Amino acid sequence: MATVRPLPKAMTLTDAAAARVREIMAKSEKPVLGLRIGIKKGGCAGMEYTMDWASKAEPFDERIDDKGATVFINSKAVLFLLGTEMDYQTSTLKSGFVFNNPNQTSACGCGESVQLQAAQPAI
């Protein structure tokens, strides 16, 4: 019988990102299971990250439970987000989620859109 090893998480969260996800979930006016992350075409670099409440798991979502926070990755975005670390940063001028994505090939000057390639298989 073949041994099945657990798959690595498609994405990880820093302590700061997990704390922020838990905080905004606690403030939600409606019941939510987690935060849904995806990508869409747009912006000057070609793609943008999307975030929305997840009130239920959609078919083929990738569920990430990390540091007490739950994130769902839209099935169409998984290959573009493999290996990504999600962080939450606060500075004097802005605060928000930051994606440290090894599949990102470039970004626009304002940082609102990115160019992504699908993750390559490890050989």
N, C-alpha and C. Protein backbone atom coordinates (compact mmCIF):
# COMPACT_ATOMS: atom_id res chain seq x y z
N MET A 1 0.84 -1.18 0.00
CA MET A 1 0.00 0.00 0.00
C MET A 1 0.89 1.24 0.00
N ALA A 2 0.59 2.17 -0.85
CA ALA A 2 1.38 3.39 -0.97
C ALA A 2 1.14 4.32 0.22
N THR A 3 2.19 4.99 0.62
CA THR A 3 2.07 5.96 1.70
C THR A 3 1.68 7.30 1.11
N VAL A 4 0.68 7.92 1.70
CA VAL A 4 0.22 9.22 1.24
C VAL A 4 0.78 10.27 2.19
N ARG A 5 1.56 11.20 1.64
CA ARG A 5 2.10 12.25 2.49
C ARG A 5 1.19 13.46 2.40
N PRO A 6 1.09 14.21 3.48
CA PRO A 6 0.22 15.40 3.46
C PRO A 6 0.77 16.43 2.49
N LEU A 7 -0.13 17.09 1.79
CA LEU A 7 0.28 18.13 0.85
C LEU A 7 0.66 19.40 1.61
N PRO A 8 1.65 20.13 1.12
CA PRO A 8 1.97 21.40 1.78
C PRO A 8 0.84 22.40 1.54
N LYS A 9 0.73 23.36 2.44
CA LYS A 9 -0.28 24.39 2.28
C LYS A 9 0.02 25.21 1.03
N ALA A 10 -1.02 25.57 0.31
CA ALA A 10 -0.84 26.39 -0.90
C ALA A 10 -0.34 27.78 -0.54
N MET A 11 -0.71 28.26 0.65
CA MET A 11 -0.33 29.59 1.08
C MET A 11 -0.20 29.57 2.60
N THR A 12 0.69 30.40 3.13
CA THR A 12 0.83 30.53 4.58
C THR A 12 0.53 31.98 4.98
N LEU A 13 0.23 32.16 6.25
CA LEU A 13 -0.04 33.49 6.79
C LEU A 13 0.99 33.82 7.86
N THR A 14 1.43 35.06 7.89
CA THR A 14 2.28 35.50 8.99
C THR A 14 1.39 35.68 10.22
N ASP A 15 2.02 35.85 11.36
CA ASP A 15 1.25 36.10 12.59
C ASP A 15 0.37 37.34 12.43
N ALA A 16 0.92 38.39 11.80
CA ALA A 16 0.18 39.65 11.63
C ALA A 16 -1.03 39.45 10.71
N ALA A 17 -0.86 38.69 9.62
CA ALA A 17 -1.97 38.45 8.69
C ALA A 17 -3.06 37.62 9.36
N ALA A 18 -2.66 36.58 10.09
CA ALA A 18 -3.65 35.73 10.77
C ALA A 18 -4.42 36.55 11.81
N ALA A 19 -3.73 37.40 12.54
CA ALA A 19 -4.40 38.22 13.55
C ALA A 19 -5.39 39.17 12.89
N ARG A 20 -5.03 39.76 11.75
CA ARG A 20 -5.93 40.69 11.06
C ARG A 20 -7.14 39.95 10.49
N VAL A 21 -6.94 38.77 9.93
CA VAL A 21 -8.07 37.99 9.42
C VAL A 21 -9.03 37.66 10.56
N ARG A 22 -8.50 37.20 11.69
CA ARG A 22 -9.36 36.89 12.85
C ARG A 22 -10.10 38.14 13.32
N GLU A 23 -9.42 39.27 13.33
CA GLU A 23 -10.03 40.53 13.79
C GLU A 23 -11.18 40.96 12.88
N ILE A 24 -10.97 40.94 11.57
CA ILE A 24 -12.05 41.39 10.67
C ILE A 24 -13.19 40.38 10.63
N MET A 25 -12.89 39.10 10.84
CA MET A 25 -13.97 38.11 10.90
C MET A 25 -14.83 38.35 12.14
N ALA A 26 -14.21 38.69 13.24
CA ALA A 26 -14.95 38.94 14.48
C ALA A 26 -15.86 40.15 14.36
N LYS A 27 -15.49 41.11 13.52
CA LYS A 27 -16.28 42.33 13.34
C LYS A 27 -17.35 42.21 12.26
N SER A 28 -17.38 41.08 11.55
CA SER A 28 -18.34 40.90 10.47
C SER A 28 -19.76 40.93 11.02
N GLU A 29 -20.65 41.57 10.29
CA GLU A 29 -22.06 41.66 10.69
C GLU A 29 -22.84 40.40 10.34
N LYS A 30 -22.28 39.55 9.50
CA LYS A 30 -22.93 38.30 9.13
C LYS A 30 -21.96 37.15 9.39
N PRO A 31 -22.47 35.94 9.57
CA PRO A 31 -21.58 34.81 9.83
C PRO A 31 -20.68 34.53 8.62
N VAL A 32 -19.40 34.37 8.87
CA VAL A 32 -18.45 34.04 7.80
C VAL A 32 -17.56 32.88 8.25
N LEU A 33 -17.13 32.08 7.27
CA LEU A 33 -16.21 30.98 7.55
C LEU A 33 -14.76 31.43 7.45
N GLY A 34 -14.51 32.45 6.65
CA GLY A 34 -13.15 32.91 6.45
C GLY A 34 -13.09 33.98 5.38
N LEU A 35 -11.90 34.20 4.90
CA LEU A 35 -11.63 35.19 3.87
C LEU A 35 -11.32 34.45 2.57
N ARG A 36 -11.97 34.81 1.47
CA ARG A 36 -11.71 34.17 0.17
C ARG A 36 -10.76 35.05 -0.63
N ILE A 37 -9.70 34.44 -1.12
CA ILE A 37 -8.70 35.15 -1.91
C ILE A 37 -8.71 34.59 -3.32
N GLY A 38 -8.61 35.48 -4.27
CA GLY A 38 -8.54 35.09 -5.67
C GLY A 38 -7.70 36.06 -6.45
N ILE A 39 -7.73 35.93 -7.75
CA ILE A 39 -7.07 36.87 -8.65
C ILE A 39 -8.03 37.18 -9.78
N LYS A 40 -7.86 38.35 -10.36
CA LYS A 40 -8.66 38.70 -11.54
C LYS A 40 -7.78 39.50 -12.49
N LYS A 41 -8.19 39.52 -13.74
CA LYS A 41 -7.48 40.33 -14.71
C LYS A 41 -7.80 41.79 -14.46
N GLY A 42 -6.76 42.62 -14.52
CA GLY A 42 -6.99 44.04 -14.31
C GLY A 42 -5.71 44.75 -13.92
N GLY A 43 -5.78 46.05 -13.88
CA GLY A 43 -4.63 46.85 -13.50
C GLY A 43 -3.61 46.94 -14.63
N CYS A 44 -2.64 47.79 -14.45
CA CYS A 44 -1.67 48.01 -15.52
C CYS A 44 -0.67 46.87 -15.67
N ALA A 45 -0.50 46.02 -14.66
CA ALA A 45 0.42 44.89 -14.77
C ALA A 45 -0.30 43.60 -15.20
N GLY A 46 -1.63 43.60 -15.22
CA GLY A 46 -2.37 42.47 -15.77
C GLY A 46 -3.25 41.69 -14.82
N MET A 47 -2.88 41.63 -13.52
CA MET A 47 -3.69 40.86 -12.57
C MET A 47 -3.76 41.59 -11.24
N GLU A 48 -4.84 41.33 -10.50
CA GLU A 48 -5.03 41.92 -9.19
C GLU A 48 -5.49 40.83 -8.23
N TYR A 49 -5.06 40.95 -6.97
CA TYR A 49 -5.56 40.05 -5.93
C TYR A 49 -6.96 40.52 -5.54
N THR A 50 -7.82 39.56 -5.21
CA THR A 50 -9.17 39.89 -4.74
C THR A 50 -9.37 39.26 -3.36
N MET A 51 -10.19 39.92 -2.56
CA MET A 51 -10.55 39.38 -1.24
C MET A 51 -12.02 39.65 -0.99
N ASP A 52 -12.67 38.66 -0.40
CA ASP A 52 -14.09 38.80 -0.07
C ASP A 52 -14.39 37.84 1.08
N TRP A 53 -15.51 38.05 1.73
CA TRP A 53 -15.96 37.14 2.77
C TRP A 53 -16.31 35.80 2.17
N ALA A 54 -16.07 34.75 2.90
CA ALA A 54 -16.49 33.41 2.50
C ALA A 54 -17.52 32.93 3.50
N SER A 55 -18.78 32.92 3.10
CA SER A 55 -19.83 32.43 3.99
C SER A 55 -20.01 30.92 3.85
N LYS A 56 -19.46 30.36 2.76
CA LYS A 56 -19.48 28.91 2.57
C LYS A 56 -18.31 28.55 1.65
N ALA A 57 -17.91 27.30 1.71
CA ALA A 57 -16.85 26.83 0.82
C ALA A 57 -17.45 26.57 -0.55
N GLU A 58 -16.79 27.06 -1.57
CA GLU A 58 -17.22 26.80 -2.94
C GLU A 58 -16.55 25.51 -3.42
N PRO A 59 -17.15 24.86 -4.41
CA PRO A 59 -16.52 23.64 -4.93
C PRO A 59 -15.09 23.92 -5.38
N PHE A 60 -14.18 23.08 -4.99
CA PHE A 60 -12.77 23.12 -5.37
C PHE A 60 -11.96 24.24 -4.72
N ASP A 61 -12.54 24.99 -3.78
CA ASP A 61 -11.75 25.96 -3.01
C ASP A 61 -10.64 25.22 -2.29
N GLU A 62 -9.52 25.87 -2.13
CA GLU A 62 -8.43 25.36 -1.29
C GLU A 62 -8.60 26.03 0.08
N ARG A 63 -8.80 25.25 1.12
CA ARG A 63 -8.99 25.80 2.46
C ARG A 63 -7.65 25.80 3.20
N ILE A 64 -7.30 26.95 3.75
CA ILE A 64 -6.07 27.10 4.51
C ILE A 64 -6.46 27.47 5.94
N ASP A 65 -6.08 26.66 6.89
CA ASP A 65 -6.25 26.96 8.31
C ASP A 65 -4.85 27.18 8.86
N ASP A 66 -4.54 28.41 9.24
CA ASP A 66 -3.20 28.76 9.66
C ASP A 66 -3.27 29.76 10.82
N LYS A 67 -2.69 29.40 11.93
CA LYS A 67 -2.59 30.28 13.10
C LYS A 67 -3.96 30.79 13.58
N GLY A 68 -4.96 29.92 13.51
CA GLY A 68 -6.29 30.28 13.98
C GLY A 68 -7.13 31.07 13.00
N ALA A 69 -6.63 31.28 11.78
CA ALA A 69 -7.37 32.01 10.74
C ALA A 69 -7.69 31.06 9.60
N THR A 70 -8.83 31.29 8.95
CA THR A 70 -9.23 30.47 7.81
C THR A 70 -9.30 31.32 6.56
N VAL A 71 -8.62 30.83 5.52
CA VAL A 71 -8.60 31.50 4.23
C VAL A 71 -8.97 30.47 3.18
N PHE A 72 -9.81 30.86 2.25
CA PHE A 72 -10.17 30.02 1.11
C PHE A 72 -9.53 30.62 -0.14
N ILE A 73 -8.90 29.77 -0.94
CA ILE A 73 -8.33 30.24 -2.20
C ILE A 73 -9.23 29.75 -3.31
N ASN A 74 -9.68 30.70 -4.13
CA ASN A 74 -10.50 30.37 -5.29
C ASN A 74 -9.75 29.36 -6.15
N SER A 75 -10.45 28.34 -6.62
CA SER A 75 -9.80 27.26 -7.37
C SER A 75 -9.03 27.75 -8.60
N LYS A 76 -9.49 28.81 -9.23
CA LYS A 76 -8.79 29.34 -10.42
C LYS A 76 -7.51 30.07 -10.07
N ALA A 77 -7.31 30.40 -8.78
CA ALA A 77 -6.14 31.16 -8.37
C ALA A 77 -5.05 30.29 -7.74
N VAL A 78 -5.36 29.04 -7.41
CA VAL A 78 -4.42 28.21 -6.64
C VAL A 78 -3.05 28.13 -7.31
N LEU A 79 -2.99 27.83 -8.61
CA LEU A 79 -1.70 27.68 -9.28
C LEU A 79 -0.88 28.97 -9.29
N PHE A 80 -1.54 30.12 -9.18
CA PHE A 80 -0.84 31.40 -9.17
C PHE A 80 -0.41 31.80 -7.76
N LEU A 81 -0.96 31.14 -6.74
CA LEU A 81 -0.67 31.51 -5.36
C LEU A 81 0.15 30.46 -4.60
N LEU A 82 0.50 29.34 -5.23
CA LEU A 82 1.28 28.31 -4.55
C LEU A 82 2.58 28.90 -4.02
N GLY A 83 2.84 28.66 -2.75
CA GLY A 83 4.07 29.14 -2.14
C GLY A 83 4.01 30.57 -1.61
N THR A 84 2.86 31.21 -1.70
CA THR A 84 2.72 32.61 -1.28
C THR A 84 2.61 32.73 0.23
N GLU A 85 3.24 33.75 0.77
CA GLU A 85 3.08 34.11 2.17
C GLU A 85 2.26 35.40 2.21
N MET A 86 1.17 35.37 2.96
CA MET A 86 0.31 36.54 3.12
C MET A 86 0.69 37.24 4.41
N ASP A 87 0.96 38.53 4.33
CA ASP A 87 1.36 39.32 5.49
C ASP A 87 0.39 40.48 5.64
N TYR A 88 0.41 41.11 6.80
CA TYR A 88 -0.34 42.34 7.02
C TYR A 88 0.65 43.35 7.56
N GLN A 89 0.76 44.48 6.85
CA GLN A 89 1.74 45.50 7.23
C GLN A 89 1.06 46.84 7.46
N THR A 90 1.58 47.57 8.44
CA THR A 90 1.08 48.89 8.74
C THR A 90 2.26 49.86 8.68
N SER A 91 2.06 50.96 7.95
CA SER A 91 3.09 52.00 7.89
C SER A 91 2.42 53.34 8.14
N THR A 92 3.18 54.39 8.07
CA THR A 92 2.65 55.73 8.30
C THR A 92 1.59 56.09 7.27
N LEU A 93 1.78 55.65 6.03
CA LEU A 93 0.88 56.07 4.95
C LEU A 93 -0.22 55.07 4.62
N LYS A 94 -0.02 53.79 4.92
CA LYS A 94 -1.07 52.82 4.57
C LYS A 94 -0.91 51.55 5.39
N SER A 95 -1.96 50.76 5.39
CA SER A 95 -1.89 49.44 5.99
C SER A 95 -2.73 48.50 5.14
N GLY A 96 -2.31 47.26 5.08
CA GLY A 96 -3.05 46.30 4.28
C GLY A 96 -2.32 44.98 4.14
N PHE A 97 -2.99 44.05 3.48
CA PHE A 97 -2.40 42.75 3.23
C PHE A 97 -1.36 42.86 2.12
N VAL A 98 -0.28 42.12 2.28
CA VAL A 98 0.80 42.08 1.31
C VAL A 98 1.04 40.62 0.96
N PHE A 99 1.19 40.33 -0.33
CA PHE A 99 1.40 38.97 -0.78
C PHE A 99 2.85 38.82 -1.25
N ASN A 100 3.61 37.99 -0.55
CA ASN A 100 4.98 37.66 -0.95
C ASN A 100 4.88 36.39 -1.78
N ASN A 101 4.76 36.60 -3.10
CA ASN A 101 4.40 35.54 -4.03
C ASN A 101 5.58 35.18 -4.93
N PRO A 102 6.09 33.94 -4.84
CA PRO A 102 7.21 33.55 -5.70
C PRO A 102 6.83 33.44 -7.17
N ASN A 103 5.55 33.48 -7.49
CA ASN A 103 5.07 33.38 -8.87
C ASN A 103 4.88 34.75 -9.51
N GLN A 104 5.18 35.80 -8.78
CA GLN A 104 5.04 37.16 -9.29
C GLN A 104 6.28 37.50 -10.12
N THR A 105 6.05 37.93 -11.35
CA THR A 105 7.18 38.27 -12.23
C THR A 105 7.41 39.77 -12.32
N SER A 106 6.39 40.58 -12.03
CA SER A 106 6.55 42.04 -11.99
C SER A 106 5.32 42.64 -11.32
N ALA A 107 5.41 43.95 -11.04
CA ALA A 107 4.29 44.67 -10.44
C ALA A 107 4.28 46.09 -11.01
N CYS A 108 3.13 46.73 -10.95
CA CYS A 108 3.05 48.11 -11.41
C CYS A 108 3.69 49.03 -10.35
N GLY A 109 3.94 50.24 -10.72
CA GLY A 109 4.58 51.19 -9.82
C GLY A 109 3.79 51.49 -8.57
N CYS A 110 2.47 51.50 -8.65
CA CYS A 110 1.66 51.83 -7.47
C CYS A 110 1.44 50.61 -6.57
N GLY A 111 1.78 49.42 -7.05
CA GLY A 111 1.65 48.22 -6.25
C GLY A 111 0.26 47.62 -6.21
N GLU A 112 -0.66 48.13 -7.03
CA GLU A 112 -2.03 47.62 -7.01
C GLU A 112 -2.25 46.43 -7.92
N SER A 113 -1.38 46.22 -8.90
CA SER A 113 -1.55 45.06 -9.77
C SER A 113 -0.20 44.39 -9.99
N VAL A 114 -0.27 43.12 -10.37
CA VAL A 114 0.93 42.30 -10.52
C VAL A 114 0.85 41.47 -11.79
N GLN A 115 1.99 40.96 -12.20
CA GLN A 115 2.02 39.99 -13.28
C GLN A 115 2.42 38.67 -12.64
N LEU A 116 1.61 37.62 -12.86
CA LEU A 116 1.84 36.32 -12.24
C LEU A 116 1.97 35.25 -13.30
N GLN A 117 2.75 34.23 -12.97
CA GLN A 117 2.81 33.03 -13.80
C GLN A 117 2.38 31.86 -12.95
N ALA A 118 1.87 30.83 -13.56
CA ALA A 118 1.47 29.64 -12.82
C ALA A 118 2.71 28.99 -12.20
N ALA A 119 2.57 28.40 -11.02
CA ALA A 119 3.68 27.75 -10.33
C ALA A 119 4.21 26.63 -11.22
N GLN A 120 5.51 26.47 -11.21
CA GLN A 120 6.16 25.43 -11.99
C GLN A 120 6.38 24.21 -11.11
N PRO A 121 6.21 23.01 -11.67
CA PRO A 121 6.41 21.80 -10.87
C PRO A 121 7.87 21.65 -10.45
N ALA A 122 8.09 21.20 -9.23
CA ALA A 122 9.45 20.93 -8.76
C ALA A 122 9.92 19.61 -9.33
N ILE A 123 11.12 19.60 -9.82
CA ILE A 123 11.67 18.36 -10.43
C ILE A 123 12.74 17.79 -9.55
